[in-house]
PDB file of N, CA and C in Angstrom:
ATOM      1  N   MET A   1      13.808   7.709   7.261  1.00  0.00           N
ATOM      2  CA  MET A   1      13.208   7.054   6.104  1.00  0.00           C
ATOM      3  C   MET A   1      12.357   5.861   6.538  1.00  0.00           C
ATOM      4  N   VAL A   2      12.809   5.148   7.561  1.00  0.00           N
ATOM      5  CA  VAL A   2      12.035   3.999   8.045  1.00  0.00           C
ATOM      6  C   VAL A   2      10.678   4.455   8.565  1.00  0.00           C
ATOM      7  N   SER A   3      10.658   5.590   9.260  1.00  0.00           N
ATOM      8  CA  SER A   3       9.403   6.135   9.780  1.00  0.00           C
ATOM      9  C   SER A   3       8.445   6.459   8.640  1.00  0.00           C
ATOM     10  N   ALA A   4       8.950   7.095   7.595  1.00  0.00           N
ATOM     11  CA  ALA A   4       8.117   7.436   6.442  1.00  0.00           C
ATOM     12  C   ALA A   4       7.614   6.167   5.758  1.00  0.00           C
ATOM     13  N   HIS A   5       8.459   5.147   5.713  1.00  0.00           N
ATOM     14  CA  HIS A   5       8.092   3.872   5.101  1.00  0.00           C
ATOM     15  C   HIS A   5       6.931   3.231   5.862  1.00  0.00           C
ATOM     16  N   LYS A   6       7.026   3.250   7.199  1.00  0.00           N
ATOM     17  CA  LYS A   6       5.958   2.675   8.020  1.00  0.00           C
ATOM     18  C   LYS A   6       4.669   3.470   7.864  1.00  0.00           C
ATOM     19  N   GLU A   7       4.793   4.790   7.814  1.00  0.00           N
ATOM     20  CA  GLU A   7       3.616   5.641   7.658  1.00  0.00           C
ATOM     21  C   GLU A   7       2.925   5.360   6.325  1.00  0.00           C
ATOM     22  N   LEU A   8       3.709   5.216   5.261  1.00  0.00           N
ATOM     23  CA  LEU A   8       3.143   4.908   3.947  1.00  0.00           C
ATOM     24  C   LEU A   8       2.441   3.550   3.973  1.00  0.00           C
ATOM     25  N   ALA A   9       3.059   2.575   4.624  1.00  0.00           N
ATOM     26  CA  ALA A   9       2.457   1.240   4.720  1.00  0.00           C
ATOM     27  C   ALA A   9       1.116   1.310   5.447  1.00  0.00           C
ATOM     28  N   LEU A  10       1.044   2.100   6.517  1.00  0.00           N
ATOM     29  CA  LEU A  10      -0.209   2.245   7.258  1.00  0.00           C
ATOM     30  C   LEU A  10      -1.279   2.916   6.402  1.00  0.00           C
ATOM     31  N   LYS A  11      -0.879   3.942   5.649  1.00  0.00           N
ATOM     32  CA  LYS A  11      -1.835   4.639   4.791  1.00  0.00           C
ATOM     33  C   LYS A  11      -2.339   3.725   3.679  1.00  0.00           C
ATOM     34  N   LEU A  12      -1.464   2.898   3.140  1.00  0.00           N
ATOM     35  CA  LEU A  12      -1.890   1.951   2.110  1.00  0.00           C
ATOM     36  C   LEU A  12      -2.879   0.942   2.682  1.00  0.00           C
ATOM     37  N   ALA A  13      -2.608   0.482   3.899  1.00  0.00           N
ATOM     38  CA  ALA A  13      -3.517  -0.465   4.542  1.00  0.00           C
ATOM     39  C   ALA A  13      -4.884   0.177   4.774  1.00  0.00           C
ATOM     40  N   GLU A  14      -4.887   1.438   5.201  1.00  0.00           N
ATOM     41  CA  GLU A  14      -6.146   2.158   5.410  1.00  0.00           C
ATOM     42  C   GLU A  14      -6.911   2.307   4.092  1.00  0.00           C
ATOM     43  N   LEU A  15      -6.206   2.664   3.033  1.00  0.00           N
ATOM     44  CA  LEU A  15      -6.828   2.807   1.720  1.00  0.00           C
ATOM     45  C   LEU A  15      -7.440   1.480   1.282  1.00  0.00           C
ATOM     46  N   GLU A  16      -6.715   0.413   1.491  1.00  0.00           N
ATOM     47  CA  GLU A  16      -7.194  -0.907   1.095  1.00  0.00           C
ATOM     48  C   GLU A  16      -8.467  -1.281   1.864  1.00  0.00           C
ATOM     49  N   ARG A  17      -8.497  -0.962   3.154  1.00  0.00           N
ATOM     50  CA  ARG A  17      -9.704  -1.235   3.957  1.00  0.00           C
ATOM     51  C   ARG A  17     -10.892  -0.428   3.441  1.00  0.00           C
ATOM     52  N   ARG A  18     -10.668   0.822   3.096  1.00  0.00           N
ATOM     53  CA  ARG A  18     -11.755   1.673   2.595  1.00  0.00           C
ATOM     54  C   ARG A  18     -12.319   1.137   1.289  1.00  0.00           C
ATOM     55  N   LEU A  19     -11.455   0.592   0.468  1.00  0.00           N
ATOM     56  CA  LEU A  19     -11.905   0.070  -0.824  1.00  0.00           C
ATOM     57  C   LEU A  19     -12.777  -1.163  -0.642  1.00  0.00           C
ATOM     58  N   GLY A  20     -12.499  -1.932   0.388  1.00  0.00           N
ATOM     59  CA  GLY A  20     -13.287  -3.123   0.635  1.00  0.00           C
ATOM     60  C   GLY A  20     -13.169  -4.159  -0.465  1.00  0.00           C
ATOM     61  N   GLY A  21     -12.125  -4.086  -1.264  1.00  0.00           N
ATOM     62  CA  GLY A  21     -11.905  -5.080  -2.311  1.00  0.00           C
ATOM     63  C   GLY A  21     -12.795  -4.907  -3.532  1.00  0.00           C
ATOM     64  N   HIS A  22     -13.515  -3.786  -3.626  1.00  0.00           N
ATOM     65  CA  HIS A  22     -14.428  -3.597  -4.747  1.00  0.00           C
ATOM     66  C   HIS A  22     -13.733  -3.117  -6.019  1.00  0.00           C
ATOM     67  N   ASP A  23     -12.648  -2.415  -5.862  1.00  0.00           N
ATOM     68  CA  ASP A  23     -11.980  -1.852  -7.036  1.00  0.00           C
ATOM     69  C   ASP A  23     -10.660  -2.590  -7.275  1.00  0.00           C
ATOM     70  N   GLU A  24     -10.692  -3.554  -8.157  1.00  0.00           N
ATOM     71  CA  GLU A  24      -9.529  -4.403  -8.399  1.00  0.00           C
ATOM     72  C   GLU A  24      -8.339  -3.647  -8.986  1.00  0.00           C
ATOM     73  N   GLU A  25      -8.590  -2.628  -9.782  1.00  0.00           N
ATOM     74  CA  GLU A  25      -7.481  -1.867 -10.360  1.00  0.00           C
ATOM     75  C   GLU A  25      -6.709  -1.124  -9.281  1.00  0.00           C
ATOM     76  N   ILE A  26      -7.415  -0.496  -8.335  1.00  0.00           N
ATOM     77  CA  ILE A  26      -6.749   0.207  -7.238  1.00  0.00           C
ATOM     78  C   ILE A  26      -5.988  -0.797  -6.378  1.00  0.00           C
ATOM     79  N   LYS A  27      -6.588  -1.948  -6.121  1.00  0.00           N
ATOM     80  CA  LYS A  27      -5.917  -2.979  -5.320  1.00  0.00           C
ATOM     81  C   LYS A  27      -4.622  -3.417  -6.002  1.00  0.00           C
ATOM     82  N   ALA A  28      -4.647  -3.552  -7.314  1.00  0.00           N
ATOM     83  CA  ALA A  28      -3.442  -3.942  -8.051  1.00  0.00           C
ATOM     84  C   ALA A  28      -2.355  -2.879  -7.898  1.00  0.00           C
ATOM     85  N   ILE A  29      -2.751  -1.597  -7.941  1.00  0.00           N
ATOM     86  CA  ILE A  29      -1.778  -0.515  -7.765  1.00  0.00           C
ATOM     87  C   ILE A  29      -1.175  -0.573  -6.365  1.00  0.00           C
ATOM     88  N   VAL A  30      -2.011  -0.778  -5.357  1.00  0.00           N
ATOM     89  CA  VAL A  30      -1.531  -0.874  -3.981  1.00  0.00           C
ATOM     90  C   VAL A  30      -0.553  -2.046  -3.858  1.00  0.00           C
ATOM     91  N   ASP A  31      -0.875  -3.160  -4.484  1.00  0.00           N
ATOM     92  CA  ASP A  31       0.015  -4.329  -4.437  1.00  0.00           C
ATOM     93  C   ASP A  31       1.377  -4.018  -5.058  1.00  0.00           C
ATOM     94  N   VAL A  32       1.387  -3.310  -6.178  1.00  0.00           N
ATOM     95  CA  VAL A  32       2.643  -2.949  -6.836  1.00  0.00           C
ATOM     96  C   VAL A  32       3.456  -2.007  -5.943  1.00  0.00           C
ATOM     97  N   ILE A  33       2.789  -1.035  -5.326  1.00  0.00           N
ATOM     98  CA  ILE A  33       3.490  -0.113  -4.424  1.00  0.00           C
ATOM     99  C   ILE A  33       4.111  -0.884  -3.267  1.00  0.00           C
ATOM    100  N   ARG A  34       3.383  -1.842  -2.725  1.00  0.00           N
ATOM    101  CA  ARG A  34       3.928  -2.657  -1.623  1.00  0.00           C
ATOM    102  C   ARG A  34       5.166  -3.429  -2.086  1.00  0.00           C
ATOM    103  N   GLN A  35       5.108  -3.979  -3.283  1.00  0.00           N
ATOM    104  CA  GLN A  35       6.258  -4.722  -3.813  1.00  0.00           C
ATOM    105  C   GLN A  35       7.458  -3.803  -3.952  1.00  0.00           C
ATOM    106  N   LEU A  36       7.227  -2.582  -4.449  1.00  0.00           N
ATOM    107  CA  LEU A  36       8.312  -1.605  -4.586  1.00  0.00           C
ATOM    108  C   LEU A  36       8.888  -1.230  -3.215  1.00  0.00           C
ATOM    109  N   MET A  37       8.007  -1.069  -2.232  1.00  0.00           N
ATOM    110  CA  MET A  37       8.461  -0.730  -0.878  1.00  0.00           C
ATOM    111  C   MET A  37       9.315  -1.856  -0.310  1.00  0.00           C
ATOM    112  N   ASN A  38       8.919  -3.096  -0.548  1.00  0.00           N
ATOM    113  CA  ASN A  38       9.688  -4.233  -0.044  1.00  0.00           C
ATOM    114  C   ASN A  38      11.055  -4.305  -0.707  1.00  0.00           C
ATOM    115  N   GLY A  39      11.143  -3.877  -1.952  1.00  0.00           N
ATOM    116  CA  GLY A  39      12.416  -3.868  -2.650  1.00  0.00           C
ATOM    117  C   GLY A  39      13.356  -2.789  -2.152  1.00  0.00           C
ATOM    118  N   MET A  40      12.795  -1.748  -1.539  1.00  0.00           N
ATOM    119  CA  MET A  40      13.604  -0.631  -1.042  1.00  0.00           C
ATOM    120  C   MET A  40      14.254  -0.936   0.299  1.00  0.00           C
ATOM    121  N   SER A  41      13.646  -1.809   1.080  1.00  0.00           N
ATOM    122  CA  SER A  41      14.166  -2.036   2.435  1.00  0.00           C
ATOM    123  C   SER A  41      15.256  -3.063   2.478  1.00  0.00           C
TER     124      SER A  41
END
């Protein structure tokens, strides 16, 4: 599960880089997912 968690974190970081901060709604979703991931560990 830790491996999958790290992989998801890397994919989220990649998605965030691709967005370049232009789409605030997607960034907000990514932020919420990160918060949920932090609550799981």
